[in-house]
C-alpha atoms as a PDB file:
ATOM      1  CA  MET A   1      -0.031  -0.005   0.139  1.00  0.00           C
ATOM      2  CA  SER A   2       1.513   3.103  -1.269  1.00  0.00           C
ATOM      3  CA  ARG A   3       0.646   6.912  -0.179  1.00  0.00           C
ATOM      4  CA  ILE A   4       1.156   9.971  -2.241  1.00  0.00           C
ATOM      5  CA  LYS A   5       1.699  13.195  -0.697  1.00  0.00           C
ATOM      6  CA  THR A   6       1.606  16.874  -1.892  1.00  0.00           C
ATOM      7  CA  LEU A   7       4.148  19.129  -0.676  1.00  0.00           C
ATOM      8  CA  GLN A   8       1.026  20.498   0.588  1.00  0.00           C
ATOM      9  CA  SER A   9      -0.369  18.127   3.002  1.00  0.00           C
ATOM     10  CA  LEU A  10       2.565  17.538   4.362  1.00  0.00           C
ATOM     11  CA  PHE A  11       3.359  21.183   5.655  1.00  0.00           C
ATOM     12  CA  LYS A  12      -0.546  21.446   6.413  1.00  0.00           C
ATOM     13  CA  ARG A  13      -1.308  23.325   9.616  1.00  0.00           C
ATOM     14  CA  TYR A  14      -2.897  21.864  12.308  1.00  0.00           C
ATOM     15  CA  ARG A  15      -4.041  25.129  14.542  1.00  0.00           C
ATOM     16  CA  ARG A  16      -4.696  24.900  18.348  1.00  0.00           C
ATOM     17  CA  PRO A  17      -6.356  27.671  21.095  1.00  0.00           C
ATOM     18  CA  GLY A  18      -4.022  29.944  22.452  1.00  0.00           C
ATOM     19  CA  ASP A  19      -1.374  29.219  19.282  1.00  0.00           C
ATOM     20  CA  ILE A  20      -0.702  33.101  18.044  1.00  0.00           C
ATOM     21  CA  VAL A  21      -0.479  33.512  21.353  1.00  0.00           C
ATOM     22  CA  PHE A  22       2.708  31.255  21.772  1.00  0.00           C
ATOM     23  CA  ALA A  23       3.703  32.377  18.339  1.00  0.00           C
ATOM     24  CA  TRP A  24       3.737  36.207  19.752  1.00  0.00           C
ATOM     25  CA  ALA A  25       5.653  34.672  22.581  1.00  0.00           C
ATOM     26  CA  LEU A  26       8.161  32.623  21.639  1.00  0.00           C
ATOM     27  CA  LEU A  27       9.297  34.876  19.270  1.00  0.00           C
ATOM     28  CA  ILE A  28       9.567  38.373  21.570  1.00  0.00           C
ATOM     29  CA  LEU A  29      11.694  36.214  23.341  1.00  0.00           C
ATOM     30  CA  SER A  30      13.612  35.068  20.839  1.00  0.00           C
ATOM     31  CA  VAL A  31      14.330  38.582  19.416  1.00  0.00           C
ATOM     32  CA  PHE A  32      15.278  40.080  23.377  1.00  0.00           C
ATOM     33  CA  LEU A  33      17.443  36.723  23.400  1.00  0.00           C
ATOM     34  CA  LEU A  34      18.941  37.530  20.133  1.00  0.00           C
ATOM     35  CA  THR A  35      19.521  41.388  21.307  1.00  0.00           C
ATOM     36  CA  GLN A  36      21.409  40.406  24.756  1.00  0.00           C
ATOM     37  CA  ILE A  37      24.003  38.514  22.072  1.00  0.00           C
ATOM     38  CA  TYR A  38      26.195  41.295  22.129  1.00  0.00           C
ATOM     39  CA  ASP A  39      26.250  41.484  26.362  1.00  0.00           C
ATOM     40  CA  GLN A  40      26.223  37.600  27.250  1.00  0.00           C
ATOM     41  CA  THR A  41      29.370  36.754  24.994  1.00  0.00           C
ATOM     42  CA  ALA A  42      32.315  37.463  23.822  1.00  0.00           C
ATOM     43  CA  TYR A  43      34.517  37.782  20.542  1.00  0.00           C
ATOM     44  CA  ARG A  44      38.077  36.908  20.452  1.00  0.00           C
ATOM     45  CA  SER A  45      39.902  38.323  17.363  1.00  0.00           C
ATOM     46  CA  GLY A  46      42.362  36.168  15.631  1.00  0.00           C
ATOM     47  CA  GLY A  47      39.849  32.730  16.064  1.00  0.00           C
ATOM     48  CA  LYS A  48      38.465  31.166  13.709  1.00  0.00           C
ATOM     49  CA  LEU A  49      34.682  31.574  13.128  1.00  0.00           C
ATOM     50  CA  PHE A  50      33.256  28.404  14.301  1.00  0.00           C
ATOM     51  CA  ALA A  51      35.805  28.685  17.742  1.00  0.00           C
ATOM     52  CA  GLN A  52      34.320  32.074  18.382  1.00  0.00           C
ATOM     53  CA  PRO A  53      32.112  31.250  21.613  1.00  0.00           C
ATOM     54  CA  ARG A  54      29.850  34.052  20.390  1.00  0.00           C
ATOM     55  CA  PHE A  55      29.218  32.023  17.271  1.00  0.00           C
ATOM     56  CA  TRP A  56      27.122  28.867  17.962  1.00  0.00           C
ATOM     57  CA  PRO A  57      24.850  31.126  20.552  1.00  0.00           C
ATOM     58  CA  ALA A  58      24.612  33.288  17.648  1.00  0.00           C
ATOM     59  CA  LEU A  59      23.213  30.680  14.658  1.00  0.00           C
ATOM     60  CA  SER A  60      21.142  28.778  17.292  1.00  0.00           C
ATOM     61  CA  LEU A  61      19.753  32.343  18.337  1.00  0.00           C
ATOM     62  CA  ILE A  62      19.269  33.514  14.541  1.00  0.00           C
ATOM     63  CA  GLY A  63      17.246  30.078  13.768  1.00  0.00           C
ATOM     64  CA  MET A  64      14.989  30.605  16.577  1.00  0.00           C
ATOM     65  CA  THR A  65      14.018  34.221  16.116  1.00  0.00           C
ATOM     66  CA  VAL A  66      14.000  33.193  11.911  1.00  0.00           C
ATOM     67  CA  PHE A  67      11.354  29.797  12.465  1.00  0.00           C
ATOM     68  CA  ALA A  68       9.490  31.826  15.657  1.00  0.00           C
ATOM     69  CA  ALA A  69       8.977  34.579  12.790  1.00  0.00           C
ATOM     70  CA  PHE A  70       7.262  31.419  10.722  1.00  0.00           C
ATOM     71  CA  HIS A  71       5.314  30.209  13.192  1.00  0.00           C
ATOM     72  CA  VAL A  72       3.946  34.147  13.671  1.00  0.00           C
ATOM     73  CA  LEU A  73       3.071  34.375  10.090  1.00  0.00           C
ATOM     74  CA  GLY A  74       1.685  30.457   9.743  1.00  0.00           C
ATOM     75  CA  SER A  75      -0.174  31.776  12.795  1.00  0.00           C
ATOM     76  CA  LEU A  76      -1.715  34.560  11.175  1.00  0.00           C
ATOM     77  CA  TRP A  77      -3.040  32.956   7.619  1.00  0.00           C
ATOM     78  CA  SER A  78      -4.830  30.378   9.358  1.00  0.00           C
ATOM     79  CA  GLU A  79      -8.124  29.959  10.080  1.00  0.00           C
ATOM     80  CA  ARG A  80      -8.959  31.450  13.791  1.00  0.00           C
ATOM     81  CA  ILE A  81     -10.052  28.826  16.397  1.00  0.00           C
ATOM     82  CA  GLU A  82     -12.079  29.840  19.781  1.00  0.00           C
ATOM     83  CA  GLY A  83     -10.612  29.378  23.138  1.00  0.00           C
ATOM     84  CA  ARG A  84      -7.507  31.026  22.573  1.00  0.00           C
ATOM     85  CA  TRP A  85      -7.823  32.967  25.975  1.00  0.00           C
ATOM     86  CA  ARG A  86      -9.217  30.271  27.645  1.00  0.00           C
ATOM     87  CA  GLU A  87      -6.160  28.085  26.545  1.00  0.00           C
ATOM     88  CA  VAL A  88      -3.590  30.787  27.816  1.00  0.00           C
ATOM     89  CA  LEU A  89      -5.382  30.110  30.961  1.00  0.00           C
ATOM     90  CA  MET A  90      -5.185  27.022  31.698  1.00  0.00           C
ATOM     91  CA  TRP A  91      -1.258  28.235  31.070  1.00  0.00           C
ATOM     92  CA  VAL A  92      -1.275  30.891  33.727  1.00  0.00           C
ATOM     93  CA  ALA A  93      -2.991  28.438  35.918  1.00  0.00           C
ATOM     94  CA  SER A  94      -0.660  25.613  35.907  1.00  0.00           C
ATOM     95  CA  LEU A  95       2.473  28.584  36.833  1.00  0.00           C
ATOM     96  CA  GLU A  96       0.756  27.981  40.733  1.00  0.00           C
ATOM     97  CA  TYR A  97       2.058  24.590  41.355  1.00  0.00           C
ATOM     98  CA  ALA A  98       5.738  26.669  40.652  1.00  0.00           C
ATOM     99  CA  VAL A  99       4.732  29.237  43.120  1.00  0.00           C
ATOM    100  CA  TRP A 100       3.733  27.275  45.438  1.00  0.00           C
ATOM    101  CA  PHE A 101       7.165  25.460  44.895  1.00  0.00           C
ATOM    102  CA  ILE A 102       8.994  28.166  45.608  1.00  0.00           C
ATOM    103  CA  ALA A 103       6.698  28.965  48.682  1.00  0.00           C
ATOM    104  CA  TYR A 104       7.504  25.202  50.282  1.00  0.00           C
ATOM    105  CA  ALA A 105      11.220  26.161  49.259  1.00  0.00           C
ATOM    106  CA  ALA A 106      11.684  29.308  51.113  1.00  0.00           C
ATOM    107  CA  LEU A 107       9.896  28.255  54.271  1.00  0.00           C
ATOM    108  CA  VAL A 108      11.253  24.912  54.551  1.00  0.00           C
ATOM    109  CA  PRO A 109      14.539  26.905  55.977  1.00  0.00           C
ATOM    110  CA  TYR A 110      11.719  28.468  58.721  1.00  0.00           C
ATOM    111  CA  GLY A 111       9.947  25.629  59.680  1.00  0.00           C
ATOM    112  CA  GLY A 112      11.652  22.922  59.481  1.00  0.00           C
ATOM    113  CA  TYR A 113      11.698  19.866  56.653  1.00  0.00           C
ATOM    114  CA  LEU A 114       8.885  17.995  58.431  1.00  0.00           C
ATOM    115  CA  PRO A 115       6.389  20.294  59.249  1.00  0.00           C
ATOM    116  CA  THR A 116       6.641  22.534  56.518  1.00  0.00           C
ATOM    117  CA  THR A 117       6.648  19.388  54.102  1.00  0.00           C
ATOM    118  CA  VAL A 118       3.295  17.921  56.261  1.00  0.00           C
ATOM    119  CA  ILE A 119       2.013  21.592  56.069  1.00  0.00           C
ATOM    120  CA  PHE A 120       2.166  21.616  51.682  1.00  0.00           C
ATOM    121  CA  ALA A 121       1.049  18.058  51.446  1.00  0.00           C
ATOM    122  CA  VAL A 122      -2.515  18.403  53.164  1.00  0.00           C
ATOM    123  CA  ILE A 123      -2.874  22.263  52.117  1.00  0.00           C
ATOM    124  CA  LEU A 124      -2.484  20.903  47.970  1.00  0.00           C
ATOM    125  CA  ALA A 125      -4.409  17.715  48.834  1.00  0.00           C
ATOM    126  CA  LEU A 126      -7.084  19.909  49.699  1.00  0.00           C
ATOM    127  CA  ARG A 127      -6.251  22.790  46.534  1.00  0.00           C
ATOM    128  CA  VAL A 128      -6.652  19.525  43.891  1.00  0.00           C
ATOM    129  CA  GLY A 129     -10.676  19.147  46.029  1.00  0.00           C
ATOM    130  CA  TYR A 130     -10.272  16.523  48.349  1.00  0.00           C
ATOM    131  CA  ARG A 131     -12.024  16.358  51.851  1.00  0.00           C
ATOM    132  CA  SER A 132     -12.819  13.566  53.122  1.00  0.00           C
ATOM    133  CA  THR A 133     -10.412  13.211  56.376  1.00  0.00           C
ATOM    134  CA  LEU A 134      -9.110   9.800  55.345  1.00  0.00           C
ATOM    135  CA  MET A 135      -7.458  11.686  51.705  1.00  0.00           C
ATOM    136  CA  LEU A 136      -5.748  14.017  53.831  1.00  0.00           C
ATOM    137  CA  GLY A 137      -4.756  12.115  56.301  1.00  0.00           C
ATOM    138  CA  ALA A 138      -3.217   9.745  53.540  1.00  0.00           C
ATOM    139  CA  ALA A 139      -1.642  13.610  52.439  1.00  0.00           C
ATOM    140  CA  ALA A 140       0.033  13.354  55.767  1.00  0.00           C
ATOM    141  CA  ILE A 141       1.183   9.991  55.836  1.00  0.00           C
ATOM    142  CA  SER A 142       3.051  10.259  52.393  1.00  0.00           C
ATOM    143  CA  ALA A 143       4.326  13.281  53.521  1.00  0.00           C
ATOM    144  CA  VAL A 144       5.865  11.633  57.067  1.00  0.00           C
ATOM    145  CA  CYS A 145       7.401   9.051  54.549  1.00  0.00           C
ATOM    146  CA  ILE A 146       8.306  11.094  52.084  1.00  0.00           C
ATOM    147  CA  VAL A 147      10.614  12.992  54.966  1.00  0.00           C
ATOM    148  CA  VAL A 148      12.232   9.464  56.255  1.00  0.00           C
ATOM    149  CA  LEU A 149      13.083   8.328  52.981  1.00  0.00           C
ATOM    150  CA  PHE A 150      15.207  11.619  52.282  1.00  0.00           C
ATOM    151  CA  LYS A 151      15.864  12.642  55.266  1.00  0.00           C
ATOM    152  CA  THR A 152      16.725  10.013  57.108  1.00  0.00           C
ATOM    153  CA  ILE A 153      16.857   6.245  55.034  1.00  0.00           C
ATOM    154  CA  LEU A 154      18.859   8.375  52.514  1.00  0.00           C
ATOM    155  CA  LYS A 155      20.833  10.965  54.628  1.00  0.00           C
ATOM    156  CA  VAL A 156      19.984  14.019  52.118  1.00  0.00           C
ATOM    157  CA  ASN A 157      21.082  17.000  53.753  1.00  0.00           C
ATOM    158  CA  LEU A 158      18.389  19.332  53.809  1.00  0.00           C
ATOM    159  CA  PRO A 159      18.459  22.707  56.117  1.00  0.00           C
ATOM    160  CA  SER A 160      16.741  21.249  59.443  1.00  0.00           C
ATOM    161  CA  GLY A 161      14.346  24.704  60.076  1.00  0.00           C
ATOM    162  CA  LEU A 162      14.375  27.326  62.686  1.00  0.00           C
ATOM    163  CA  ILE A 163      11.706  26.326  64.478  1.00  0.00           C
ATOM    164  CA  TYR A 164      13.350  22.994  65.873  1.00  0.00           C
ATOM    165  CA  GLU A 165      15.944  25.624  67.912  1.00  0.00           C
ATOM    166  CA  ALA A 166      12.740  25.721  70.410  1.00  0.00           C
ATOM    167  CA  LEU A 167      12.358  21.899  71.145  1.00  0.00           C
ATOM    168  CA  PRO A 168      13.903  20.838  73.956  1.00  0.00           C
ATOM    169  CA  ASP A 169      17.729  19.283  73.864  1.00  0.00           C
ATOM    170  CA  GLY A 170      16.817  15.744  73.191  1.00  0.00           C
ATOM    171  CA  LEU A 171      14.483  16.269  70.680  1.00  0.00           C
ATOM    172  CA  ARG A 172      15.754  19.345  69.423  1.00  0.00           C
ATOM    173  CA  GLN A 173      19.110  16.917  68.715  1.00  0.00           C
ATOM    174  CA  ILE A 174      16.528  13.986  66.917  1.00  0.00           C
ATOM    175  CA  MET A 175      14.209  16.308  64.874  1.00  0.00           C
ATOM    176  CA  LEU A 176      18.074  18.328  63.198  1.00  0.00           C
ATOM    177  CA  THR A 177      19.210  14.904  62.986  1.00  0.00           C
ATOM    178  CA  TYR A 178      16.125  12.495  61.156  1.00  0.00           C
ATOM    179  CA  PHE A 179      13.194  15.300  60.639  1.00  0.00           C
END
């Protein structure tokens, strides 16, 4: 069974909602990076062109900019699909979890690895919609298991937390070492 494809069918565009926003964002990012090439890379006089520290980054950024421009043109010529901003809002909503992670990483040195991990596990379980005590308990137990695995068994060095300083001496040493 043989299939013959035309050039037009090989390059047929299947546009998705939010495609034009992605295309413009990519073009703006690539142009910005290309404008920074002189500040971020060096040129060595007397060296071969292909050995220049600036050559390969510049070549890749030029390619990125050209293809991003083609993407914008292709998106402009394609038929418009409804739902662009719903798609963009979904992209932005996914950044929420990056913010949760940054907050978690910022609070661990103050609250301690064990308490912060348990609190964030329960809060995130609530955030995704779990409300039963069984599921919230499972989130807390999972967090404790993760802490025991990483800090006690694998001996991963993590910040101990300023909150542990308020504990009595014996308990403080155990918490600093194992949790």
